[in-house]
Amino acid sequence: RKKFSAAFDVLAGGGYRVVIEDTRQQLPDNGAGESAGSGFGGGDPTALAGYFPINAQPDEPPKIEFIAPNRDVQLAPGARLDTLIRVYDKFGLTDCRLYAGKQGSEPKKVCGFGEVAGKTKADIKHVLAMAAGTVKGDVIVYYATVTDNRSLPKIAGPQTTSSQRFKVTVQDAAEVAAAKAK
């Protein structure tokens, strides 16, 4: 008994069927008066006998959101910001990264979270320390990105999504305490 396998790229929905040729490279009669290779015209392939349907699923970009804080905040110089980032993708994740920097300059990568690789959902806790030298009046912009594991050579590679950008306004410690008391 012999076993055979085949692989093919699915670029769109449709149908397929198995066709076997004999040693003379002729298709056997399928018993309906037509050869096993005929019948795949422009109609619905799933309506034809012997076809197996393929329903190609769209691969949406991954999702990312800050659960905490999910707003602009005020912190004292040298303070730390507890963050919680939620990432998810139907087919799987590869990477998540956190970026931060002073407003007016391009934020730089603070850290990566490789532990999301292979997962479809993850909650990431991270403490973002205000960079040394931040002073009252500085504004720090932070955001995160997530990349999925899409690998479709004939269509496209991984997809990356960015979160909303948030700001940390560096304030005097007494002003921050007064604002929290309100």
C-alpha atoms as a PDB file:
ATOM      1  CA  ARG A   1       0.000   0.000   0.000  1.00  0.00           C
ATOM      2  CA  LYS A   2       1.488   3.327  -1.055  1.00  0.00           C
ATOM      3  CA  LYS A   3       0.846   6.736   0.479  1.00  0.00           C
ATOM      4  CA  PHE A   4       1.208  10.034  -1.331  1.00  0.00           C
ATOM      5  CA  SER A   5       1.121  13.597  -0.113  1.00  0.00           C
ATOM      6  CA  ALA A   6       1.092  16.993  -1.774  1.00  0.00           C
ATOM      7  CA  ALA A   7       1.340  20.611  -0.710  1.00  0.00           C
ATOM      8  CA  PHE A   8       0.119  23.737  -2.434  1.00  0.00           C
ATOM      9  CA  ASP A   9      -0.268  27.424  -1.626  1.00  0.00           C
ATOM     10  CA  VAL A  10      -3.783  28.647  -0.954  1.00  0.00           C
ATOM     11  CA  LEU A  11      -4.037  32.152  -2.399  1.00  0.00           C
ATOM     12  CA  ALA A  12      -7.844  32.365  -2.372  1.00  0.00           C
ATOM     13  CA  GLY A  13     -10.908  30.318  -1.549  1.00  0.00           C
ATOM     14  CA  GLY A  14     -12.018  27.678  -4.041  1.00  0.00           C
ATOM     15  CA  GLY A  15     -11.830  23.931  -4.315  1.00  0.00           C
ATOM     16  CA  TYR A  16      -9.544  21.076  -5.130  1.00  0.00           C
ATOM     17  CA  ARG A  17      -9.763  17.429  -5.962  1.00  0.00           C
ATOM     18  CA  VAL A  18      -7.402  14.524  -6.393  1.00  0.00           C
ATOM     19  CA  VAL A  19      -6.794  13.378  -9.971  1.00  0.00           C
ATOM     20  CA  ILE A  20      -4.876  10.189 -10.717  1.00  0.00           C
ATOM     21  CA  GLU A  21      -3.412   9.355 -14.094  1.00  0.00           C
ATOM     22  CA  ASP A  22      -2.626   5.827 -15.182  1.00  0.00           C
ATOM     23  CA  THR A  23       0.780   4.758 -16.532  1.00  0.00           C
ATOM     24  CA  ARG A  24      -0.226   5.959 -20.020  1.00  0.00           C
ATOM     25  CA  GLN A  25      -0.882   9.445 -18.576  1.00  0.00           C
ATOM     26  CA  GLN A  26      -4.595   9.061 -19.201  1.00  0.00           C
ATOM     27  CA  LEU A  27      -7.295   9.956 -16.748  1.00  0.00           C
ATOM     28  CA  PRO A  28      -9.618   7.135 -15.730  1.00  0.00           C
ATOM     29  CA  ASP A  29     -13.323   7.376 -16.438  1.00  0.00           C
ATOM     30  CA  ASN A  30     -15.101   8.630 -13.315  1.00  0.00           C
ATOM     31  CA  GLY A  31     -18.196   6.556 -14.054  1.00  0.00           C
ATOM     32  CA  ALA A  32     -20.262   9.559 -15.143  1.00  0.00           C
ATOM     33  CA  GLY A  33     -19.165   9.453 -18.748  1.00  0.00           C
ATOM     34  CA  GLU A  34     -16.473  12.101 -18.339  1.00  0.00           C
ATOM     35  CA  SER A  35     -12.826  11.927 -17.437  1.00  0.00           C
ATOM     36  CA  ALA A  36     -11.745  12.717 -13.897  1.00  0.00           C
ATOM     37  CA  GLY A  37      -9.926  15.853 -15.104  1.00  0.00           C
ATOM     38  CA  SER A  38     -12.903  17.662 -16.635  1.00  0.00           C
ATOM     39  CA  GLY A  39     -15.600  19.772 -15.092  1.00  0.00           C
ATOM     40  CA  PHE A  40     -13.708  22.599 -13.335  1.00  0.00           C
ATOM     41  CA  GLY A  41     -15.072  25.553 -15.248  1.00  0.00           C
ATOM     42  CA  GLY A  42     -15.845  29.021 -13.963  1.00  0.00           C
ATOM     43  CA  GLY A  43     -18.664  27.888 -11.665  1.00  0.00           C
ATOM     44  CA  ASP A  44     -18.675  27.112  -7.969  1.00  0.00           C
ATOM     45  CA  PRO A  45     -16.057  24.363  -7.505  1.00  0.00           C
ATOM     46  CA  THR A  46     -17.742  23.117  -4.341  1.00  0.00           C
ATOM     47  CA  ALA A  47     -20.863  22.322  -6.374  1.00  0.00           C
ATOM     48  CA  LEU A  48     -18.972  19.889  -8.576  1.00  0.00           C
ATOM     49  CA  ALA A  49     -18.786  16.252  -7.560  1.00  0.00           C
ATOM     50  CA  GLY A  50     -15.457  15.193  -6.159  1.00  0.00           C
ATOM     51  CA  TYR A  51     -14.232  18.679  -5.177  1.00  0.00           C
ATOM     52  CA  PHE A  52     -13.215  19.577  -1.653  1.00  0.00           C
ATOM     53  CA  PRO A  53     -13.858  23.193  -0.642  1.00  0.00           C
ATOM     54  CA  ILE A  54     -11.096  25.511   0.575  1.00  0.00           C
ATOM     55  CA  ASN A  55     -12.180  28.492   2.632  1.00  0.00           C
ATOM     56  CA  ALA A  56      -9.188  30.830   2.793  1.00  0.00           C
ATOM     57  CA  GLN A  57      -9.228  32.715   6.094  1.00  0.00           C
ATOM     58  CA  PRO A  58      -8.092  36.345   6.104  1.00  0.00           C
ATOM     59  CA  ASP A  59      -5.122  37.075   8.350  1.00  0.00           C
ATOM     60  CA  GLU A  60      -5.929  40.332  10.118  1.00  0.00           C
ATOM     61  CA  PRO A  61      -3.078  42.365  11.641  1.00  0.00           C
ATOM     62  CA  PRO A  62      -2.324  41.690  15.319  1.00  0.00           C
ATOM     63  CA  LYS A  63      -3.998  43.836  17.988  1.00  0.00           C
ATOM     64  CA  ILE A  64      -2.289  45.760  20.782  1.00  0.00           C
ATOM     65  CA  GLU A  65      -3.564  47.987  23.562  1.00  0.00           C
ATOM     66  CA  PHE A  66      -2.356  49.490  26.802  1.00  0.00           C
ATOM     67  CA  ILE A  67      -4.636  48.269  29.574  1.00  0.00           C
ATOM     68  CA  ALA A  68      -2.828  50.356  32.198  1.00  0.00           C
ATOM     69  CA  PRO A  69      -2.339  53.191  31.951  1.00  0.00           C
ATOM     70  CA  ASN A  70      -4.393  53.821  28.858  1.00  0.00           C
ATOM     71  CA  ARG A  71      -4.150  57.600  29.121  1.00  0.00           C
ATOM     72  CA  ASP A  72      -1.622  60.397  29.461  1.00  0.00           C
ATOM     73  CA  VAL A  73      -0.161  60.670  32.984  1.00  0.00           C
ATOM     74  CA  GLN A  74       1.915  62.971  35.180  1.00  0.00           C
ATOM     75  CA  LEU A  75       4.923  61.674  37.122  1.00  0.00           C
ATOM     76  CA  ALA A  76       7.648  63.144  39.287  1.00  0.00           C
ATOM     77  CA  PRO A  77      11.264  63.121  38.013  1.00  0.00           C
ATOM     78  CA  GLY A  78      12.799  59.668  38.542  1.00  0.00           C
ATOM     79  CA  ALA A  79       9.395  58.001  39.040  1.00  0.00           C
ATOM     80  CA  ARG A  80       8.400  54.689  37.491  1.00  0.00           C
ATOM     81  CA  LEU A  81       5.317  53.884  35.429  1.00  0.00           C
ATOM     82  CA  ASP A  82       3.646  50.468  35.794  1.00  0.00           C
ATOM     83  CA  THR A  83       2.299  49.385  32.395  1.00  0.00           C
ATOM     84  CA  LEU A  84       0.149  46.490  31.240  1.00  0.00           C
ATOM     85  CA  ILE A  85       0.082  45.766  27.510  1.00  0.00           C
ATOM     86  CA  ARG A  86      -2.352  43.300  25.914  1.00  0.00           C
ATOM     87  CA  VAL A  87      -1.451  41.733  22.550  1.00  0.00           C
ATOM     88  CA  TYR A  88      -3.317  39.159  20.482  1.00  0.00           C
ATOM     89  CA  ASP A  89      -3.516  37.609  17.033  1.00  0.00           C
ATOM     90  CA  LYS A  90      -5.708  34.807  15.696  1.00  0.00           C
ATOM     91  CA  PHE A  91      -2.806  32.852  14.187  1.00  0.00           C
ATOM     92  CA  GLY A  92       0.069  33.698  16.548  1.00  0.00           C
ATOM     93  CA  LEU A  93       2.550  36.356  17.627  1.00  0.00           C
ATOM     94  CA  THR A  94       6.282  36.739  17.097  1.00  0.00           C
ATOM     95  CA  ASP A  95       7.394  39.838  18.989  1.00  0.00           C
ATOM     96  CA  CYS A  96       6.327  42.825  21.088  1.00  0.00           C
ATOM     97  CA  ARG A  97       8.422  45.947  21.732  1.00  0.00           C
ATOM     98  CA  LEU A  98       8.122  49.024  23.951  1.00  0.00           C
ATOM     99  CA  TYR A  99       9.422  52.419  22.779  1.00  0.00           C
ATOM    100  CA  ALA A 100       9.884  55.683  24.695  1.00  0.00           C
ATOM    101  CA  GLY A 101      11.601  59.037  24.241  1.00  0.00           C
ATOM    102  CA  LYS A 102      11.354  62.761  24.811  1.00  0.00           C
ATOM    103  CA  GLN A 103       8.677  64.509  22.787  1.00  0.00           C
ATOM    104  CA  GLY A 104      10.160  65.977  19.621  1.00  0.00           C
ATOM    105  CA  SER A 105      12.598  63.106  19.080  1.00  0.00           C
ATOM    106  CA  GLU A 106      11.949  59.611  17.738  1.00  0.00           C
ATOM    107  CA  PRO A 107      11.229  57.188  20.617  1.00  0.00           C
ATOM    108  CA  LYS A 108      13.825  54.428  20.970  1.00  0.00           C
ATOM    109  CA  LYS A 109      13.286  50.767  21.794  1.00  0.00           C
ATOM    110  CA  VAL A 110      13.234  50.337  25.572  1.00  0.00           C
ATOM    111  CA  CYS A 111      12.799  46.562  25.587  1.00  0.00           C
ATOM    112  CA  GLY A 112      11.428  43.598  23.683  1.00  0.00           C
ATOM    113  CA  PHE A 113       9.119  40.873  24.906  1.00  0.00           C
ATOM    114  CA  GLY A 114      10.121  37.727  23.026  1.00  0.00           C
ATOM    115  CA  GLU A 115       8.065  35.625  25.425  1.00  0.00           C
ATOM    116  CA  VAL A 116       4.991  36.327  23.282  1.00  0.00           C
ATOM    117  CA  ALA A 117       6.430  34.214  20.429  1.00  0.00           C
ATOM    118  CA  GLY A 118       4.063  31.404  19.459  1.00  0.00           C
ATOM    119  CA  LYS A 119       1.203  32.667  21.634  1.00  0.00           C
ATOM    120  CA  THR A 120      -2.096  34.026  20.362  1.00  0.00           C
ATOM    121  CA  LYS A 121      -2.676  36.285  23.378  1.00  0.00           C
ATOM    122  CA  ALA A 122      -0.482  37.746  26.109  1.00  0.00           C
ATOM    123  CA  ASP A 123      -0.641  40.338  28.873  1.00  0.00           C
ATOM    124  CA  ILE A 124       2.734  41.963  29.462  1.00  0.00           C
ATOM    125  CA  LYS A 125       3.614  43.841  32.633  1.00  0.00           C
ATOM    126  CA  HIS A 126       6.528  46.237  32.497  1.00  0.00           C
ATOM    127  CA  VAL A 127       7.806  49.049  34.708  1.00  0.00           C
ATOM    128  CA  LEU A 128       8.909  52.011  32.603  1.00  0.00           C
ATOM    129  CA  ALA A 129      11.489  54.069  34.491  1.00  0.00           C
ATOM    130  CA  MET A 130      11.843  57.707  33.546  1.00  0.00           C
ATOM    131  CA  ALA A 131      15.244  58.163  31.928  1.00  0.00           C
ATOM    132  CA  ALA A 132      18.011  59.744  33.981  1.00  0.00           C
ATOM    133  CA  GLY A 133      18.076  63.490  33.481  1.00  0.00           C
ATOM    134  CA  THR A 134      14.336  64.003  33.060  1.00  0.00           C
ATOM    135  CA  VAL A 135      13.240  67.231  34.704  1.00  0.00           C
ATOM    136  CA  LYS A 136      10.034  69.089  35.425  1.00  0.00           C
ATOM    137  CA  GLY A 137       8.387  70.046  32.130  1.00  0.00           C
ATOM    138  CA  ASP A 138       9.788  67.172  30.064  1.00  0.00           C
ATOM    139  CA  VAL A 139       7.247  65.143  28.104  1.00  0.00           C
ATOM    140  CA  ILE A 140       8.018  61.471  27.442  1.00  0.00           C
ATOM    141  CA  VAL A 141       6.134  59.730  24.613  1.00  0.00           C
ATOM    142  CA  TYR A 142       5.717  55.960  24.787  1.00  0.00           C
ATOM    143  CA  TYR A 143       4.031  53.290  22.692  1.00  0.00           C
ATOM    144  CA  ALA A 144       4.377  49.593  21.861  1.00  0.00           C
ATOM    145  CA  THR A 145       4.352  47.437  18.725  1.00  0.00           C
ATOM    146  CA  VAL A 146       3.387  43.818  18.124  1.00  0.00           C
ATOM    147  CA  THR A 147       4.298  41.582  15.175  1.00  0.00           C
ATOM    148  CA  ASP A 148       2.462  38.437  14.125  1.00  0.00           C
ATOM    149  CA  ASN A 149       3.968  35.246  12.718  1.00  0.00           C
ATOM    150  CA  ARG A 150       2.443  35.464   9.232  1.00  0.00           C
ATOM    151  CA  SER A 151       4.687  33.775   6.670  1.00  0.00           C
ATOM    152  CA  LEU A 152       3.037  33.674   3.265  1.00  0.00           C
ATOM    153  CA  PRO A 153       5.872  33.776   0.703  1.00  0.00           C
ATOM    154  CA  LYS A 154       3.637  34.471  -2.290  1.00  0.00           C
ATOM    155  CA  ILE A 155       1.491  37.051  -0.493  1.00  0.00           C
ATOM    156  CA  ALA A 156       3.275  38.873   2.325  1.00  0.00           C
ATOM    157  CA  GLY A 157       5.333  38.519   5.464  1.00  0.00           C
ATOM    158  CA  PRO A 158       4.674  39.410   9.101  1.00  0.00           C
ATOM    159  CA  GLN A 159       2.348  42.266  10.043  1.00  0.00           C
ATOM    160  CA  THR A 160       3.226  44.842  12.719  1.00  0.00           C
ATOM    161  CA  THR A 161       0.738  47.029  14.575  1.00  0.00           C
ATOM    162  CA  SER A 162       1.494  50.026  16.808  1.00  0.00           C
ATOM    163  CA  SER A 163      -0.450  50.996  19.901  1.00  0.00           C
ATOM    164  CA  GLN A 164      -1.789  54.445  20.573  1.00  0.00           C
ATOM    165  CA  ARG A 165       0.918  56.876  21.724  1.00  0.00           C
ATOM    166  CA  PHE A 166       0.713  58.186  25.263  1.00  0.00           C
ATOM    167  CA  LYS A 167       2.538  60.951  27.128  1.00  0.00           C
ATOM    168  CA  VAL A 168       4.137  61.225  30.534  1.00  0.00           C
ATOM    169  CA  THR A 169       4.461  64.826  31.664  1.00  0.00           C
ATOM    170  CA  VAL A 170       7.224  65.174  34.239  1.00  0.00           C
ATOM    171  CA  GLN A 171       5.951  67.364  37.101  1.00  0.00           C
ATOM    172  CA  ASP A 172       7.158  68.434  40.530  1.00  0.00           C
ATOM    173  CA  ALA A 173       6.463  65.647  43.064  1.00  0.00           C
ATOM    174  CA  ALA A 174       4.263  67.974  45.166  1.00  0.00           C
ATOM    175  CA  GLU A 175       2.174  68.913  42.089  1.00  0.00           C
ATOM    176  CA  VAL A 176       1.717  65.244  41.183  1.00  0.00           C
ATOM    177  CA  ALA A 177       0.603  64.422  44.737  1.00  0.00           C
ATOM    178  CA  ALA A 178      -1.859  67.349  44.726  1.00  0.00           C
ATOM    179  CA  ALA A 179      -3.302  66.232  41.367  1.00  0.00           C
ATOM    180  CA  LYS A 180      -3.783  62.664  42.664  1.00  0.00           C
ATOM    181  CA  ALA A 181      -5.550  63.994  45.792  1.00  0.00           C
ATOM    182  CA  LYS A 182      -8.259  65.702  43.708  1.00  0.00           C
END
